């Protein structure tokens, strides 16, 4: 991925403005952290739903 980031940083900013705008965000993005955060949300929702069904 580091090689790709370097190549994207070298692109002409006038020809590739979006790529140059987002390259730093892509460089620090952590897929594993995003996955864990999403999984935590799903599990919290399931726990809340299960708790509601028990009290009904």
C-alpha atoms as a PDB file:
ATOM      1  CA  UNK A   1       0.000   0.000   0.000  1.00  0.00           C
ATOM      2  CA  UNK A   2       2.883   2.391   0.752  1.00  0.00           C
ATOM      3  CA  UNK A   3       4.027   2.192  -2.872  1.00  0.00           C
ATOM      4  CA  UNK A   4       0.544   3.093  -4.085  1.00  0.00           C
ATOM      5  CA  UNK A   5       0.331   6.021  -1.671  1.00  0.00           C
ATOM      6  CA  UNK A   6       3.641   7.340  -2.991  1.00  0.00           C
ATOM      7  CA  UNK A   7       2.425   7.042  -6.566  1.00  0.00           C
ATOM      8  CA  UNK A   8      -0.838   8.824  -5.720  1.00  0.00           C
ATOM      9  CA  UNK A   9       1.067  11.635  -3.996  1.00  0.00           C
ATOM     10  CA  UNK A  10       3.135  12.080  -7.163  1.00  0.00           C
ATOM     11  CA  UNK A  11       0.080  12.571  -9.393  1.00  0.00           C
ATOM     12  CA  UNK A  12      -0.569  15.970 -10.929  1.00  0.00           C
ATOM     13  CA  UNK A  13      -2.997  17.768  -8.563  1.00  0.00           C
ATOM     14  CA  UNK A  14      -4.697  19.545 -11.467  1.00  0.00           C
ATOM     15  CA  UNK A  15      -5.293  16.317 -13.385  1.00  0.00           C
ATOM     16  CA  UNK A  16      -6.213  14.201 -10.337  1.00  0.00           C
ATOM     17  CA  UNK A  17      -7.646  16.629  -7.745  1.00  0.00           C
ATOM     18  CA  UNK A  18      -9.852  14.110  -5.935  1.00  0.00           C
ATOM     19  CA  UNK A  19      -7.083  11.525  -5.592  1.00  0.00           C
ATOM     20  CA  UNK A  20      -4.662  14.134  -4.301  1.00  0.00           C
ATOM     21  CA  UNK A  21      -7.343  15.468  -1.907  1.00  0.00           C
ATOM     22  CA  UNK A  22      -8.034  12.040  -0.385  1.00  0.00           C
ATOM     23  CA  UNK A  23      -4.584  10.446  -0.436  1.00  0.00           C
ATOM     24  CA  UNK A  24      -3.676  11.471   3.126  1.00  0.00           C
ATOM     25  CA  UNK A  25      -6.930  10.041   4.506  1.00  0.00           C
ATOM     26  CA  UNK A  26      -6.306   6.780   2.656  1.00  0.00           C
ATOM     27  CA  UNK A  27      -2.748   6.690   3.989  1.00  0.00           C
ATOM     28  CA  UNK A  28      -3.905   6.707   7.636  1.00  0.00           C
ATOM     29  CA  UNK A  29      -7.124   4.689   7.225  1.00  0.00           C
ATOM     30  CA  UNK A  30      -7.254   1.582   9.410  1.00  0.00           C
ATOM     31  CA  UNK A  31      -9.604  -1.061   7.990  1.00  0.00           C
ATOM     32  CA  UNK A  32      -9.372  -3.180  11.125  1.00  0.00           C
ATOM     33  CA  UNK A  33     -10.429  -0.270  13.336  1.00  0.00           C
ATOM     34  CA  UNK A  34     -13.384   0.502  11.062  1.00  0.00           C
ATOM     35  CA  UNK A  35     -14.421  -3.151  11.155  1.00  0.00           C
ATOM     36  CA  UNK A  36     -14.204  -3.288  14.970  1.00  0.00           C
ATOM     37  CA  UNK A  37     -16.263  -0.110  15.316  1.00  0.00           C
ATOM     38  CA  UNK A  38     -18.957  -1.487  13.003  1.00  0.00           C
ATOM     39  CA  UNK A  39     -18.991  -4.813  14.793  1.00  0.00           C
ATOM     40  CA  UNK A  40     -19.375  -3.068  18.152  1.00  0.00           C
ATOM     41  CA  UNK A  41     -22.390  -1.156  16.803  1.00  0.00           C
ATOM     42  CA  UNK A  42     -24.022  -4.340  15.518  1.00  0.00           C
ATOM     43  CA  UNK A  43     -23.417  -6.178  18.797  1.00  0.00           C
ATOM     44  CA  UNK A  44     -24.753  -3.268  20.843  1.00  0.00           C
ATOM     45  CA  UNK A  45     -27.895  -3.224  18.710  1.00  0.00           C
ATOM     46  CA  UNK A  46     -28.394  -6.968  19.089  1.00  0.00           C
ATOM     47  CA  UNK A  47     -27.910  -6.729  22.857  1.00  0.00           C
ATOM     48  CA  UNK A  48     -30.444  -3.909  23.073  1.00  0.00           C
ATOM     49  CA  UNK A  49     -32.952  -5.853  21.000  1.00  0.00           C
ATOM     50  CA  UNK A  50     -32.466  -8.994  23.105  1.00  0.00           C
ATOM     51  CA  UNK A  51     -32.933  -6.989  26.330  1.00  0.00           C
ATOM     52  CA  UNK A  52     -36.217  -5.547  25.011  1.00  0.00           C
ATOM     53  CA  UNK A  53     -37.535  -9.003  24.116  1.00  0.00           C
ATOM     54  CA  UNK A  54     -36.737 -10.356  27.596  1.00  0.00           C
ATOM     55  CA  UNK A  55     -38.638  -7.544  29.329  1.00  0.00           C
ATOM     56  CA  UNK A  56     -41.745  -7.901  27.136  1.00  0.00           C
END
